[in-house]
Protein backbone atom coordinates (compact mmCIF):
# COMPACT_ATOMS: atom_id res chain seq x y z
CA GLN A 1 33.01 -25.53 5.80
CA LYS A 2 32.22 -25.77 9.59
CA TRP A 3 30.55 -23.80 12.13
CA TYR A 4 33.51 -23.46 14.52
CA GLN A 5 35.99 -22.45 11.15
CA MET A 6 36.67 -18.29 10.82
CA TYR A 7 37.64 -17.11 7.85
CA SER A 8 40.16 -14.37 8.32
CA LEU A 9 40.22 -11.08 5.72
CA SER A 10 42.35 -8.21 5.10
CA GLU A 11 39.76 -4.84 4.73
CA LYS A 12 40.51 -4.77 0.81
CA ARG A 13 39.24 -8.58 0.17
CA ALA A 14 36.40 -7.74 2.96
CA LYS A 15 35.40 -5.04 0.81
CA LYS A 16 35.60 -6.76 -2.76
CA LEU A 17 33.24 -9.05 -1.39
CA GLY A 18 30.89 -6.56 -0.27
CA HIS A 19 30.94 -4.97 -3.45
CA SER A 20 30.98 -8.78 -5.30
CA ALA A 21 29.20 -10.95 -3.62
CA ALA A 22 27.05 -9.37 -0.49
CA ASN A 23 24.05 -11.64 0.12
CA GLU A 24 26.62 -14.92 -0.18
CA TRP A 25 28.54 -13.11 2.42
CA VAL A 26 25.30 -12.48 4.36
CA ARG A 27 24.08 -16.13 4.36
CA LEU A 28 27.74 -17.68 5.03
CA ASN A 29 28.02 -15.51 8.04
CA SER A 30 24.96 -16.98 9.35
CA ARG A 31 26.53 -20.07 10.22
CA CYS A 32 30.39 -19.57 10.22
CA PHE A 33 32.98 -16.89 11.53
CA SER A 34 34.66 -14.24 10.02
CA ARG A 35 37.03 -11.80 10.96
CA ILE A 36 38.11 -8.61 9.57
CA TYR A 37 41.16 -6.92 9.85
CA PRO A 38 42.98 -3.49 9.09
CA ASP A 39 45.32 -3.42 5.44
CA GLY A 40 49.08 -4.07 6.54
CA MET A 41 49.87 -0.69 4.52
CA ARG A 42 48.08 1.52 7.33
CA ILE A 43 51.45 1.76 9.08
CA ASN A 44 50.14 5.49 10.24
CA SER A 45 47.41 2.76 12.17
CA SER A 46 44.55 4.98 10.58
CA ASN A 47 40.86 2.95 10.08
CA TYR A 48 38.71 1.80 7.93
CA ASN A 49 35.01 1.93 7.82
CA PRO A 50 33.71 -0.99 9.61
CA GLN A 51 29.88 -0.39 8.35
CA PHE A 52 30.01 -2.28 5.72
CA ALA A 53 31.22 -5.31 7.36
CA TRP A 54 28.73 -5.22 10.21
CA ASN A 55 26.15 -4.40 7.47
CA CYS A 56 26.99 -8.36 6.03
CA GLY A 57 27.15 -10.24 9.29
CA SER A 58 31.13 -10.38 10.04
CA HIS A 59 31.38 -11.33 13.51
CA MET A 60 34.82 -10.12 14.47
CA VAL A 61 35.58 -6.15 13.09
CA SER A 62 39.14 -5.72 13.79
CA LEU A 63 40.01 -2.09 13.98
CA ASN A 64 43.27 0.24 15.44
CA PHE A 65 41.59 1.00 18.70
CA GLN A 66 44.71 3.70 19.72
CA THR A 67 43.26 5.96 17.00
CA ALA A 68 40.41 8.56 17.38
CA SER A 69 38.78 8.53 14.40
CA GLY A 70 35.17 8.26 12.58
CA PRO A 71 35.24 4.54 12.82
CA MET A 72 36.31 4.58 16.68
CA HIS A 73 33.21 6.95 17.14
CA LEU A 74 31.38 4.54 14.93
CA ASN A 75 32.41 1.10 16.87
CA ASN A 76 31.95 2.61 20.56
CA ALA A 77 28.38 3.75 20.05
CA ARG A 78 27.39 0.66 18.16
CA PHE A 79 28.63 -1.04 21.69
CA ARG A 80 27.63 1.27 24.41
CA LEU A 81 24.70 0.00 24.71
CA ASN A 82 25.69 -3.24 25.67
CA GLY A 83 27.94 -1.65 28.63
CA GLY A 84 30.58 -1.51 26.14
CA CYS A 85 30.95 -5.48 27.26
CA GLY A 86 31.86 -6.48 23.29
CA TYR A 87 28.74 -8.41 22.02
CA LEU A 88 25.58 -8.29 19.94
CA LEU A 89 23.38 -10.03 18.83
CA LYS A 90 22.77 -9.57 14.98
CA PRO A 91 19.33 -8.85 13.75
CA ALA A 92 17.55 -11.90 12.59
CA ALA A 93 17.96 -11.63 8.93
CA LEU A 94 21.69 -11.95 9.22
CA ARG A 95 21.12 -15.03 11.58
CA ASP A 96 18.72 -16.72 8.52
CA GLU A 97 20.80 -19.12 6.35
CA GLU A 98 18.03 -18.92 3.91
CA SER A 99 17.98 -15.07 4.23
CA ASP A 100 18.39 -13.23 0.80
CA PHE A 101 19.14 -9.73 2.90
CA ASP A 102 21.66 -7.56 0.02
CA PRO A 103 22.89 -4.38 1.96
CA LEU A 104 23.23 -3.13 -1.66
CA THR A 105 19.94 -3.28 -2.53
CA TYR A 106 17.35 -3.65 0.72
CA ARG A 107 14.43 -1.09 0.81
CA ALA A 108 12.11 -1.25 3.38
CA ALA A 109 8.52 -0.85 2.16
CA GLU A 110 7.91 1.68 4.92
CA PRO A 111 10.82 2.99 6.16
CA LEU A 112 11.06 4.65 8.83
CA THR A 113 11.36 8.67 9.00
CA VAL A 114 13.69 10.80 11.59
CA ALA A 115 13.38 14.37 11.98
CA MET A 116 15.80 15.86 13.68
CA GLU A 117 15.70 19.19 15.27
CA VAL A 118 19.22 20.81 16.16
CA VAL A 119 18.06 23.24 18.80
CA CYS A 120 21.28 24.91 20.00
CA GLY A 121 25.01 23.97 21.10
CA LEU A 122 25.84 24.55 24.77
CA ARG A 123 29.56 25.42 25.74
CA VAL A 124 30.71 24.24 22.44
CA THR A 125 33.21 27.15 21.46
CA ASN A 126 37.06 27.19 22.22
CA ALA A 127 37.91 30.72 24.18
CA CYS A 128 41.45 29.65 23.92
CA GLU A 129 41.88 29.54 19.79
CA LYS A 130 41.10 33.17 18.99
CA GLU A 131 39.88 34.24 15.39
CA LEU A 132 39.71 37.86 14.44
CA THR A 133 36.58 37.96 11.95
CA PRO A 134 36.62 40.23 10.34
CA ALA A 135 39.77 41.75 10.54
CA GLY A 136 39.89 44.94 12.31
CA THR A 137 36.42 44.81 13.47
CA ALA A 138 36.30 46.40 16.94
CA ASN A 139 33.96 46.68 19.85
CA GLN A 140 32.69 49.66 22.17
CA ASP A 141 35.60 49.52 24.24
CA GLY A 142 38.07 50.04 21.70
CA GLN A 143 39.42 46.68 21.85
CA ALA A 144 39.01 44.01 18.78
CA SER A 145 36.11 41.76 18.71
CA ILE A 146 36.91 37.75 18.43
CA TYR A 147 34.80 35.61 16.60
CA HIS A 148 34.35 31.89 15.90
CA SER A 149 31.90 30.31 13.32
CA TYR A 150 30.56 26.83 14.29
CA PHE A 151 28.03 24.93 12.42
CA CYS A 152 26.15 21.61 13.00
CA HIS A 153 26.30 18.86 10.52
CA VAL A 154 24.25 15.41 10.74
CA ASN A 155 24.85 12.65 8.72
CA VAL A 156 23.42 8.64 8.26
CA SER A 157 25.97 5.29 8.47
CA GLY A 158 24.40 2.30 7.46
CA ILE A 159 23.25 0.16 4.58
CA SER A 160 23.33 2.01 1.29
CA ALA A 161 19.94 3.47 1.05
CA ASP A 162 20.45 4.84 4.34
CA SER A 163 24.40 6.22 4.54
CA GLY A 164 24.97 9.33 3.71
CA GLN A 165 21.87 12.07 3.66
CA PRO A 166 24.45 14.80 4.98
CA PHE A 167 22.59 17.59 6.35
CA ARG A 168 24.46 21.02 7.35
CA THR A 169 23.31 23.89 9.37
CA ARG A 170 23.92 27.51 8.74
CA THR A 171 27.36 28.95 10.23
CA MET A 172 26.76 31.03 13.11
CA LYS A 173 29.66 33.86 14.06
CA THR A 174 29.46 34.03 17.89
CA PRO A 175 31.77 35.97 20.10
CA ALA A 176 34.64 33.41 21.91
CA GLY A 177 33.65 32.07 24.69
CA ALA A 178 29.78 32.21 24.37
CA GLN A 179 27.90 29.79 25.85
CA VAL A 180 25.27 29.18 23.48
CA ILE A 181 24.95 28.71 19.99
CA SER A 182 21.71 28.90 18.41
CA TRP A 183 20.68 27.01 15.06
CA SER A 184 17.01 25.59 15.58
CA GLN A 185 16.98 23.48 12.19
CA VAL A 186 15.38 20.58 11.40
CA HIS A 187 16.87 17.46 9.21
CA ARG A 188 14.49 14.55 8.24
CA MET A 189 15.93 11.27 7.08
CA GLU A 190 14.28 7.72 5.66
CA ILE A 191 16.22 4.90 7.82
CA HIS A 192 15.13 1.57 6.07
CA ALA A 193 17.38 -0.86 8.32
CA PRO A 194 16.97 0.79 11.68
CA GLU A 195 18.92 -2.33 13.49
CA LEU A 196 21.95 -0.71 11.56
CA ALA A 197 22.21 2.35 10.95
CA SER A 198 23.82 5.44 13.06
CA ILE A 199 23.12 8.61 13.21
CA VAL A 200 26.53 11.08 13.15
CA VAL A 201 25.82 14.29 14.39
CA GLY A 202 28.83 16.62 14.73
CA VAL A 203 30.04 20.20 15.67
CA SER A 204 32.90 21.99 13.42
CA ARG A 205 34.55 25.30 13.49
CA ARG A 206 34.62 26.83 10.65
CA LEU A 207 38.21 28.81 9.84
CA ARG A 208 39.64 31.10 6.64
CA LYS A 209 40.72 28.11 4.55
CA ASN A 210 38.75 25.18 5.63
CA GLN A 211 37.20 23.74 8.70
CA SER A 212 38.00 21.61 11.69
CA LEU A 213 35.67 19.16 13.69
CA GLN A 214 35.55 19.91 17.23
CA TYR A 215 33.11 17.50 18.51
CA ILE A 216 31.08 14.63 17.66
CA THR A 217 28.75 12.06 19.12
CA VAL A 218 26.86 8.65 17.56
CA LEU A 219 23.63 7.43 17.79
CA PRO A 220 22.31 4.15 16.97
CA VAL A 221 18.89 4.95 15.43
CA HIS A 222 17.38 1.66 17.06
CA ALA A 223 18.13 3.58 20.20
CA LEU A 224 16.68 6.84 19.57
CA ARG A 225 13.57 8.23 21.85
CA PRO A 226 11.47 10.79 20.36
CA GLY A 227 11.90 14.27 22.59
CA TYR A 228 14.22 16.83 23.68
CA HIS A 229 17.73 15.42 24.34
CA PHE A 230 21.04 17.14 25.79
CA LEU A 231 23.57 15.21 23.67
CA SER A 232 26.69 14.61 25.20
CA LEU A 233 29.71 15.52 22.99
CA THR A 234 32.71 13.56 22.16
CA HIS A 235 35.80 15.93 21.27
CA ALA A 236 37.49 14.91 17.94
CA ASN A 237 40.24 13.07 19.71
CA GLY A 238 38.43 10.65 21.37
CA SER A 239 38.22 12.05 24.69
CA ALA A 240 34.83 13.13 26.41
CA SER A 241 34.02 16.60 27.05
CA SER A 242 32.90 17.44 30.94
CA SER A 243 30.50 20.64 29.64
CA ALA A 244 29.41 20.81 25.61
CA ARG A 245 26.03 19.59 24.57
CA LEU A 246 23.77 19.64 22.00
CA LEU A 247 20.20 20.04 22.37
CA VAL A 248 18.08 18.73 20.01
CA HIS A 249 14.62 17.52 19.26
CA ILE A 250 13.53 14.13 17.61
CA SER A 251 10.46 12.80 15.90
CA VAL A 252 9.74 9.15 14.47
CA SER A 253 7.23 8.03 12.20
CA GLY A 254 7.11 5.25 10.33
CA VAL A 255 6.94 1.58 11.76
CA TRP A 256 9.58 0.02 14.34
CA GLY A 257 10.13 -2.59 11.73
CA ALA A 258 12.70 -5.14 11.79
CA ILE A 259 14.82 -6.10 8.58
CA ARG A 260 12.29 -8.05 6.50
CA PRO A 261 13.97 -9.60 3.63
CA ARG A 262 12.19 -12.27 1.62
CA SER A 263 13.29 -15.86 2.51
CA ARG A 264 14.94 -18.48 0.39
CA SER A 265 12.10 -21.07 1.22
CA GLY A 266 13.46 -23.90 -1.36
CA ALA A 267 17.21 -23.75 -0.25
CA SER A 268 18.50 -26.72 1.57
CA ALA A 269 22.13 -25.17 1.69
CA MET A 270 24.01 -22.31 1.69
CA ALA A 271 25.04 -21.87 -1.58
CA VAL A 272 28.18 -19.47 -2.49
CA ASP A 273 29.46 -18.90 -5.87
CA ARG A 274 32.98 -20.32 -6.71
CA ASN A 275 34.79 -16.69 -7.08
CA SER A 276 33.06 -15.62 -3.32
CA ALA A 277 34.31 -19.08 -1.94
CA ALA A 278 37.96 -18.68 -3.26
CA GLN A 279 38.38 -15.59 -2.43
CA LEU A 280 37.08 -16.33 1.49
CA ALA A 281 39.58 -19.82 1.21
CA SER A 282 42.81 -18.29 -0.12
CA SER A 283 42.75 -15.16 3.17
CA ASN A 284 44.51 -16.68 6.17
CA GLY A 285 45.51 -13.32 7.62
CA VAL A 286 45.42 -12.77 11.20
CA ALA A 287 43.18 -9.86 12.98
CA ARG A 288 45.24 -7.41 14.48
CA HIS A 289 44.63 -5.25 17.13
CA GLY A 290 41.81 -4.93 19.32
CA SER A 291 38.62 -6.45 17.60
CA ALA A 292 34.93 -5.95 17.91
CA LEU A 293 32.51 -9.06 18.52
CA HIS A 294 29.30 -9.22 17.11
């Protein structure tokens, strides 16, 4: 395979390859281009999670940009730090042809520990959507009291060792139109690959039978800075909020290091098993919609 030739993979083929031959795909991506595109059955323009493709060093991860969803929030945050120009330098471990980095099994010797205290939310309530809780409750003026119940949730998107670690604050019942909701709860996360990880923070409203995501923000771990921060929030539909904010305190302990897998010192060429190579060679689709270039 020449360096200027490209593999085009549907998301299903890419996911299968990422689970069965992740390291081979990482090494292949260190010298060849690969492009991932949404499955043809996504007729509603929904999106897949691009994290697995980023973890393996894929260069172009195509998404349906017209659909605001979790994958698009991840994509926007990942490229926001470089001004949204669409290009990012991959971590060194994903550019080394002899790297044995495997996003499914990699564990750092000294993982980074990130502690995030969710202090409070500012102007995250929605006074237009009214819910009476509990039913029949009245205030001092004899009028029905209107309450909204909100909680904050935190998650990590990254390699297998980092992904998950969910956290949810207690649910706070707040009068409609309240300016401040106080949580003051701390969540600690261990991050093994900071260069590939992002912290997803959301604010949801609890309804009678389910919950509704109201705001979201995504923070690339390698861009975190210790101290107090006001986080600007984005509506769940992708539009920016002019006033909603989260006050958080971030502390970091451990080593801010790059991914350091062992190197295949004796390897003279990239070895891709026959099954993986056959899967790649048989994939000749075309990327659609927008592409996120690394």
